[in-house]
Amino acid sequence: MKTLLFVLMLLISELALAQKILVIVNASNPLNSISSQQLQDFYFKRAKQWPDGSALRFFDRSEGSEERKEFLSSLLHRSTRQVDHFWIGQKLYSGASAPSQVNSDRMVTSLVARFPGGISYVSENFTQFKGVKVLTVTGD
């Protein structure tokens, strides 16, 4: 019983952490939700198109930002170090580069609003969503 209670508390705390980051897309995107697996595939460029075939462009937050740390740990289940090593390897072996990094919620929202295939994330307390919409992140 204690184990079950511990697992439930862990799941609730993980969901609470995931709530600190909001995934955003261009307002014209027809999706209302995204699975955590799709999010990983988009971020790591295993998928480069939306389900309708349109080009996808992921915007990351600046290295060292709290939003990036939270996104990587709570939604991608990776550490900053793991992600940085992944992108170094990709650059060396395939020439692929990491998503463009942006300094602020306002700037990332502006970029996602400009690119129809744009996707990124902002902090939960950000309120200026002109040209973008928030997606619900679902389990796999």
N, C-alpha and C. Protein backbone atom coordinates (compact mmCIF):
# COMPACT_ATOMS: atom_id res chain seq x y z
N MET A 1 0.82 -1.20 0.00
CA MET A 1 0.00 0.00 0.00
C MET A 1 0.86 1.25 0.00
N LYS A 2 1.95 1.22 0.80
CA LYS A 2 2.84 2.37 0.84
C LYS A 2 3.50 2.60 -0.51
N THR A 3 3.83 1.51 -1.18
CA THR A 3 4.45 1.62 -2.51
C THR A 3 3.49 2.27 -3.49
N LEU A 4 2.24 1.87 -3.48
CA LEU A 4 1.24 2.46 -4.36
C LEU A 4 1.05 3.94 -4.07
N LEU A 5 1.00 4.28 -2.82
CA LEU A 5 0.86 5.68 -2.43
C LEU A 5 2.07 6.49 -2.89
N PHE A 6 3.26 5.93 -2.75
CA PHE A 6 4.48 6.60 -3.20
C PHE A 6 4.45 6.83 -4.71
N VAL A 7 4.05 5.81 -5.46
CA VAL A 7 3.97 5.92 -6.92
C VAL A 7 2.96 6.99 -7.32
N LEU A 8 1.81 7.01 -6.67
CA LEU A 8 0.80 8.03 -6.98
C LEU A 8 1.32 9.43 -6.68
N MET A 9 2.01 9.59 -5.56
CA MET A 9 2.56 10.90 -5.22
C MET A 9 3.62 11.31 -6.23
N LEU A 10 4.42 10.36 -6.69
CA LEU A 10 5.44 10.64 -7.69
C LEU A 10 4.81 11.08 -9.01
N LEU A 11 3.76 10.38 -9.43
CA LEU A 11 3.06 10.75 -10.67
C LEU A 11 2.42 12.13 -10.57
N ILE A 12 1.81 12.41 -9.44
CA ILE A 12 1.19 13.72 -9.25
C ILE A 12 2.24 14.82 -9.28
N SER A 13 3.38 14.59 -8.64
CA SER A 13 4.42 15.62 -8.64
C SER A 13 5.01 15.78 -10.04
N GLU A 14 5.12 14.69 -10.81
CA GLU A 14 5.62 14.80 -12.18
C GLU A 14 4.65 15.58 -13.04
N LEU A 15 3.35 15.34 -12.89
CA LEU A 15 2.36 16.11 -13.64
C LEU A 15 2.39 17.58 -13.25
N ALA A 16 2.60 17.85 -11.99
CA ALA A 16 2.68 19.24 -11.54
C ALA A 16 3.89 19.93 -12.16
N LEU A 17 5.01 19.23 -12.27
CA LEU A 17 6.19 19.81 -12.91
C LEU A 17 5.91 20.10 -14.38
N ALA A 18 5.28 19.15 -15.07
CA ALA A 18 4.99 19.33 -16.48
C ALA A 18 4.08 20.53 -16.71
N GLN A 19 3.26 20.87 -15.73
CA GLN A 19 2.37 22.01 -15.86
C GLN A 19 3.12 23.33 -15.87
N LYS A 20 4.37 23.35 -15.41
CA LYS A 20 5.13 24.59 -15.36
C LYS A 20 5.55 25.07 -16.74
N ILE A 21 5.48 24.20 -17.72
CA ILE A 21 5.85 24.51 -19.09
C ILE A 21 4.64 24.30 -19.99
N LEU A 22 4.39 25.26 -20.86
CA LEU A 22 3.30 25.16 -21.83
C LEU A 22 3.88 24.99 -23.22
N VAL A 23 3.43 23.99 -23.96
CA VAL A 23 3.88 23.77 -25.32
C VAL A 23 2.99 24.61 -26.23
N ILE A 24 3.64 25.40 -27.11
CA ILE A 24 2.88 26.27 -28.01
C ILE A 24 3.19 25.95 -29.47
N VAL A 25 2.20 26.20 -30.31
CA VAL A 25 2.35 26.06 -31.76
C VAL A 25 1.72 27.28 -32.42
N ASN A 26 1.99 27.44 -33.70
CA ASN A 26 1.36 28.49 -34.47
C ASN A 26 -0.15 28.34 -34.38
N ALA A 27 -0.85 29.46 -34.32
CA ALA A 27 -2.31 29.44 -34.15
C ALA A 27 -3.02 28.72 -35.29
N SER A 28 -2.41 28.63 -36.46
CA SER A 28 -3.05 27.96 -37.60
C SER A 28 -2.91 26.45 -37.54
N ASN A 29 -2.11 25.93 -36.62
CA ASN A 29 -1.92 24.49 -36.50
C ASN A 29 -3.24 23.85 -36.07
N PRO A 30 -3.70 22.80 -36.77
CA PRO A 30 -4.99 22.19 -36.43
C PRO A 30 -4.98 21.32 -35.18
N LEU A 31 -3.81 20.97 -34.67
CA LEU A 31 -3.74 20.10 -33.49
C LEU A 31 -4.12 20.85 -32.22
N ASN A 32 -4.71 20.12 -31.28
CA ASN A 32 -5.02 20.66 -29.95
C ASN A 32 -4.24 19.94 -28.86
N SER A 33 -3.62 18.82 -29.23
CA SER A 33 -2.83 18.07 -28.26
C SER A 33 -1.66 17.42 -28.98
N ILE A 34 -0.68 17.04 -28.18
CA ILE A 34 0.51 16.37 -28.71
C ILE A 34 0.95 15.34 -27.68
N SER A 35 1.40 14.19 -28.13
CA SER A 35 1.87 13.18 -27.18
C SER A 35 3.31 13.51 -26.79
N SER A 36 3.71 13.03 -25.64
CA SER A 36 5.08 13.27 -25.22
C SER A 36 6.06 12.62 -26.19
N GLN A 37 5.67 11.50 -26.80
CA GLN A 37 6.53 10.84 -27.79
C GLN A 37 6.67 11.71 -29.04
N GLN A 38 5.58 12.31 -29.53
CA GLN A 38 5.67 13.22 -30.68
C GLN A 38 6.57 14.40 -30.35
N LEU A 39 6.43 14.92 -29.17
CA LEU A 39 7.24 16.05 -28.74
C LEU A 39 8.72 15.69 -28.77
N GLN A 40 9.06 14.51 -28.28
CA GLN A 40 10.45 14.04 -28.33
C GLN A 40 10.92 13.88 -29.77
N ASP A 41 10.08 13.27 -30.61
CA ASP A 41 10.45 13.08 -32.01
C ASP A 41 10.68 14.40 -32.72
N PHE A 42 9.86 15.39 -32.42
CA PHE A 42 10.03 16.72 -33.04
C PHE A 42 11.29 17.40 -32.53
N TYR A 43 11.52 17.37 -31.23
CA TYR A 43 12.67 18.05 -30.64
C TYR A 43 13.98 17.43 -31.15
N PHE A 44 14.05 16.10 -31.19
CA PHE A 44 15.27 15.41 -31.61
C PHE A 44 15.34 15.22 -33.12
N LYS A 45 14.43 15.80 -33.85
CA LYS A 45 14.39 15.80 -35.32
C LYS A 45 14.29 14.40 -35.92
N ARG A 46 13.66 13.50 -35.18
CA ARG A 46 13.35 12.18 -35.75
C ARG A 46 12.16 12.32 -36.68
N ALA A 47 11.35 13.33 -36.45
CA ALA A 47 10.24 13.69 -37.34
C ALA A 47 10.41 15.16 -37.68
N LYS A 48 10.30 15.48 -38.95
CA LYS A 48 10.54 16.86 -39.38
C LYS A 48 9.31 17.51 -40.00
N GLN A 49 8.20 16.78 -39.94
CA GLN A 49 6.95 17.29 -40.50
C GLN A 49 5.80 17.03 -39.54
N TRP A 50 4.79 17.89 -39.64
CA TRP A 50 3.56 17.68 -38.89
C TRP A 50 2.79 16.54 -39.55
N PRO A 51 1.82 15.96 -38.87
CA PRO A 51 1.05 14.86 -39.45
C PRO A 51 0.44 15.19 -40.83
N ASP A 52 0.14 16.48 -41.08
CA ASP A 52 -0.43 16.85 -42.39
C ASP A 52 0.64 17.03 -43.47
N GLY A 53 1.92 16.81 -43.13
CA GLY A 53 3.01 16.91 -44.10
C GLY A 53 3.70 18.26 -44.15
N SER A 54 3.21 19.24 -43.43
CA SER A 54 3.84 20.56 -43.44
C SER A 54 5.14 20.54 -42.63
N ALA A 55 6.06 21.41 -43.02
CA ALA A 55 7.38 21.48 -42.37
C ALA A 55 7.25 21.93 -40.92
N LEU A 56 8.10 21.37 -40.07
CA LEU A 56 8.09 21.66 -38.65
C LEU A 56 9.37 22.42 -38.28
N ARG A 57 9.24 23.37 -37.39
CA ARG A 57 10.42 24.10 -36.90
C ARG A 57 10.31 24.25 -35.39
N PHE A 58 11.24 23.60 -34.69
CA PHE A 58 11.24 23.64 -33.22
C PHE A 58 12.17 24.75 -32.75
N PHE A 59 11.70 25.57 -31.83
CA PHE A 59 12.51 26.60 -31.21
C PHE A 59 12.73 26.22 -29.75
N ASP A 60 13.99 26.15 -29.37
CA ASP A 60 14.37 25.78 -28.01
C ASP A 60 14.63 27.05 -27.21
N ARG A 61 14.72 26.93 -25.92
CA ARG A 61 15.09 28.05 -25.06
C ARG A 61 16.60 28.05 -24.85
N SER A 62 17.12 29.15 -24.41
CA SER A 62 18.56 29.32 -24.23
C SER A 62 19.14 28.32 -23.24
N GLU A 63 20.36 27.91 -23.52
CA GLU A 63 21.07 27.01 -22.63
C GLU A 63 21.17 27.63 -21.25
N GLY A 64 20.88 26.84 -20.25
CA GLY A 64 20.96 27.32 -18.87
C GLY A 64 19.67 27.95 -18.35
N SER A 65 18.69 28.17 -19.23
CA SER A 65 17.44 28.78 -18.75
C SER A 65 16.64 27.77 -17.94
N GLU A 66 15.89 28.27 -16.97
CA GLU A 66 15.06 27.40 -16.14
C GLU A 66 13.98 26.72 -16.98
N GLU A 67 13.44 27.43 -17.96
CA GLU A 67 12.41 26.84 -18.83
C GLU A 67 12.96 25.64 -19.59
N ARG A 68 14.18 25.77 -20.10
CA ARG A 68 14.78 24.66 -20.84
C ARG A 68 15.04 23.47 -19.92
N LYS A 69 15.58 23.72 -18.75
CA LYS A 69 15.83 22.64 -17.80
C LYS A 69 14.53 21.92 -17.46
N GLU A 70 13.47 22.69 -17.22
CA GLU A 70 12.17 22.10 -16.88
C GLU A 70 11.60 21.31 -18.05
N PHE A 71 11.67 21.86 -19.24
CA PHE A 71 11.16 21.18 -20.44
C PHE A 71 11.90 19.86 -20.65
N LEU A 72 13.22 19.91 -20.61
CA LEU A 72 14.00 18.70 -20.85
C LEU A 72 13.72 17.63 -19.80
N SER A 73 13.66 18.03 -18.54
CA SER A 73 13.47 17.02 -17.49
C SER A 73 12.03 16.52 -17.40
N SER A 74 11.06 17.42 -17.43
CA SER A 74 9.69 16.98 -17.19
C SER A 74 8.97 16.46 -18.43
N LEU A 75 9.30 16.98 -19.61
CA LEU A 75 8.59 16.54 -20.82
C LEU A 75 9.41 15.61 -21.70
N LEU A 76 10.73 15.79 -21.75
CA LEU A 76 11.56 14.90 -22.56
C LEU A 76 12.27 13.83 -21.74
N HIS A 77 12.23 13.98 -20.40
CA HIS A 77 12.85 13.01 -19.48
C HIS A 77 14.33 12.82 -19.77
N ARG A 78 15.01 13.95 -20.02
CA ARG A 78 16.44 13.97 -20.28
C ARG A 78 17.09 15.09 -19.47
N SER A 79 18.36 14.94 -19.18
CA SER A 79 19.10 16.01 -18.52
C SER A 79 19.67 16.94 -19.59
N THR A 80 20.05 18.12 -19.17
CA THR A 80 20.69 19.06 -20.08
C THR A 80 21.94 18.44 -20.68
N ARG A 81 22.69 17.77 -19.86
CA ARG A 81 23.92 17.13 -20.32
C ARG A 81 23.65 16.07 -21.39
N GLN A 82 22.64 15.23 -21.17
CA GLN A 82 22.30 14.20 -22.16
C GLN A 82 21.92 14.84 -23.49
N VAL A 83 21.14 15.88 -23.44
CA VAL A 83 20.69 16.55 -24.66
C VAL A 83 21.86 17.22 -25.37
N ASP A 84 22.71 17.89 -24.63
CA ASP A 84 23.87 18.54 -25.23
C ASP A 84 24.79 17.52 -25.90
N HIS A 85 25.02 16.39 -25.26
CA HIS A 85 25.84 15.33 -25.87
C HIS A 85 25.18 14.76 -27.11
N PHE A 86 23.87 14.60 -27.07
CA PHE A 86 23.15 14.11 -28.25
C PHE A 86 23.40 15.03 -29.44
N TRP A 87 23.24 16.35 -29.23
CA TRP A 87 23.38 17.30 -30.34
C TRP A 87 24.82 17.42 -30.81
N ILE A 88 25.79 17.27 -29.92
CA ILE A 88 27.19 17.26 -30.35
C ILE A 88 27.43 16.07 -31.27
N GLY A 89 26.93 14.91 -30.88
CA GLY A 89 27.06 13.71 -31.72
C GLY A 89 26.38 13.87 -33.06
N GLN A 90 25.19 14.45 -33.06
CA GLN A 90 24.47 14.66 -34.31
C GLN A 90 25.26 15.58 -35.25
N LYS A 91 25.80 16.62 -34.72
CA LYS A 91 26.57 17.57 -35.53
C LYS A 91 27.81 16.90 -36.12
N LEU A 92 28.50 16.09 -35.32
CA LEU A 92 29.72 15.42 -35.78
C LEU A 92 29.44 14.35 -36.83
N TYR A 93 28.40 13.55 -36.61
CA TYR A 93 28.19 12.38 -37.45
C TYR A 93 27.19 12.56 -38.58
N SER A 94 26.25 13.49 -38.43
CA SER A 94 25.26 13.65 -39.51
C SER A 94 25.15 15.09 -40.01
N GLY A 95 25.77 16.01 -39.29
CA GLY A 95 25.67 17.42 -39.69
C GLY A 95 24.42 18.10 -39.17
N ALA A 96 23.54 17.35 -38.51
CA ALA A 96 22.30 17.93 -37.98
C ALA A 96 22.61 18.82 -36.79
N SER A 97 21.90 19.91 -36.70
CA SER A 97 22.13 20.83 -35.58
C SER A 97 20.91 20.90 -34.67
N ALA A 98 21.15 21.32 -33.45
CA ALA A 98 20.08 21.45 -32.46
C ALA A 98 19.11 22.55 -32.88
N PRO A 99 17.90 22.52 -32.33
CA PRO A 99 16.96 23.61 -32.61
C PRO A 99 17.54 24.97 -32.22
N SER A 100 17.12 26.01 -32.93
CA SER A 100 17.55 27.37 -32.61
C SER A 100 17.14 27.71 -31.19
N GLN A 101 18.03 28.38 -30.47
CA GLN A 101 17.74 28.75 -29.09
C GLN A 101 17.33 30.22 -29.00
N VAL A 102 16.35 30.48 -28.15
CA VAL A 102 15.76 31.80 -28.01
C VAL A 102 15.79 32.19 -26.53
N ASN A 103 15.98 33.49 -26.26
CA ASN A 103 16.19 33.96 -24.89
C ASN A 103 14.94 34.13 -24.02
N SER A 104 13.78 34.39 -24.60
CA SER A 104 12.64 34.76 -23.76
C SER A 104 11.33 34.17 -24.28
N ASP A 105 10.34 34.12 -23.38
CA ASP A 105 9.00 33.69 -23.77
C ASP A 105 8.45 34.56 -24.89
N ARG A 106 8.64 35.85 -24.77
CA ARG A 106 8.12 36.80 -25.77
C ARG A 106 8.73 36.53 -27.15
N MET A 107 10.05 36.33 -27.20
CA MET A 107 10.73 36.09 -28.48
C MET A 107 10.31 34.75 -29.09
N VAL A 108 10.22 33.71 -28.28
CA VAL A 108 9.85 32.40 -28.81
C VAL A 108 8.40 32.44 -29.32
N THR A 109 7.53 33.15 -28.62
CA THR A 109 6.15 33.27 -29.08
C THR A 109 6.08 34.01 -30.40
N SER A 110 6.88 35.05 -30.54
CA SER A 110 6.92 35.81 -31.78
C SER A 110 7.38 34.94 -32.95
N LEU A 111 8.40 34.12 -32.73
CA LEU A 111 8.90 33.25 -33.79
C LEU A 111 7.89 32.16 -34.17
N VAL A 112 7.30 31.53 -33.17
CA VAL A 112 6.30 30.49 -33.45
C VAL A 112 5.11 31.09 -34.20
N ALA A 113 4.72 32.30 -33.87
CA ALA A 113 3.61 32.98 -34.56
C ALA A 113 3.97 33.26 -36.02
N ARG A 114 5.24 33.50 -36.32
CA ARG A 114 5.67 33.81 -37.69
C ARG A 114 5.81 32.59 -38.58
N PHE A 115 6.12 31.43 -38.00
CA PHE A 115 6.33 30.22 -38.78
C PHE A 115 5.13 29.28 -38.63
N PRO A 116 4.40 28.99 -39.71
CA PRO A 116 3.22 28.11 -39.60
C PRO A 116 3.52 26.75 -38.98
N GLY A 117 4.73 26.22 -39.15
CA GLY A 117 5.09 24.94 -38.57
C GLY A 117 5.83 25.06 -37.26
N GLY A 118 5.81 26.24 -36.65
CA GLY A 118 6.56 26.49 -35.43
C GLY A 118 6.01 25.78 -34.21
N ILE A 119 6.92 25.38 -33.33
CA ILE A 119 6.56 24.76 -32.06
C ILE A 119 7.65 25.11 -31.05
N SER A 120 7.24 25.33 -29.81
CA SER A 120 8.18 25.62 -28.74
C SER A 120 7.46 25.47 -27.41
N TYR A 121 8.01 26.13 -26.39
CA TYR A 121 7.42 26.08 -25.05
C TYR A 121 7.71 27.38 -24.34
N VAL A 122 6.83 27.70 -23.40
CA VAL A 122 6.96 28.92 -22.60
C VAL A 122 6.66 28.55 -21.15
N SER A 123 6.99 29.47 -20.25
CA SER A 123 6.69 29.24 -18.84
C SER A 123 5.18 29.37 -18.62
N GLU A 124 4.69 28.71 -17.59
CA GLU A 124 3.25 28.67 -17.33
C GLU A 124 2.65 30.03 -17.02
N ASN A 125 3.44 30.98 -16.55
CA ASN A 125 2.88 32.28 -16.20
C ASN A 125 2.90 33.28 -17.35
N PHE A 126 3.36 32.85 -18.52
CA PHE A 126 3.35 33.73 -19.68
C PHE A 126 1.91 33.91 -20.16
N THR A 127 1.55 35.11 -20.56
CA THR A 127 0.14 35.37 -20.90
C THR A 127 -0.09 35.97 -22.28
N GLN A 128 0.94 36.29 -23.02
CA GLN A 128 0.76 36.95 -24.32
C GLN A 128 0.84 35.93 -25.44
N PHE A 129 -0.30 35.40 -25.84
CA PHE A 129 -0.34 34.30 -26.81
C PHE A 129 -0.83 34.72 -28.19
N LYS A 130 -0.56 35.94 -28.60
CA LYS A 130 -1.00 36.41 -29.91
C LYS A 130 -0.31 35.60 -31.02
N GLY A 131 -1.10 34.96 -31.86
CA GLY A 131 -0.57 34.19 -32.99
C GLY A 131 -0.16 32.77 -32.68
N VAL A 132 -0.33 32.34 -31.43
CA VAL A 132 0.02 30.97 -31.05
C VAL A 132 -1.11 30.38 -30.21
N LYS A 133 -1.05 29.08 -30.03
CA LYS A 133 -1.99 28.43 -29.11
C LYS A 133 -1.26 27.38 -28.31
N VAL A 134 -1.80 27.06 -27.17
CA VAL A 134 -1.21 26.09 -26.24
C VAL A 134 -1.78 24.71 -26.54
N LEU A 135 -0.89 23.73 -26.61
CA LEU A 135 -1.31 22.34 -26.81
C LEU A 135 -1.33 21.60 -25.48
N THR A 136 -2.22 20.66 -25.37
CA THR A 136 -2.24 19.73 -24.25
C THR A 136 -1.24 18.63 -24.54
N VAL A 137 -0.37 18.31 -23.58
CA VAL A 137 0.59 17.23 -23.76
C VAL A 137 0.00 15.99 -23.10
N THR A 138 -0.12 14.94 -23.90
CA THR A 138 -0.70 13.68 -23.41
C THR A 138 0.41 12.65 -23.23
N GLY A 139 0.12 11.59 -22.50
CA GLY A 139 1.07 10.49 -22.34
C GLY A 139 1.23 9.77 -23.65
N ASP A 140 2.16 8.84 -23.70
CA ASP A 140 2.47 8.13 -24.96
C ASP A 140 1.37 7.25 -25.42
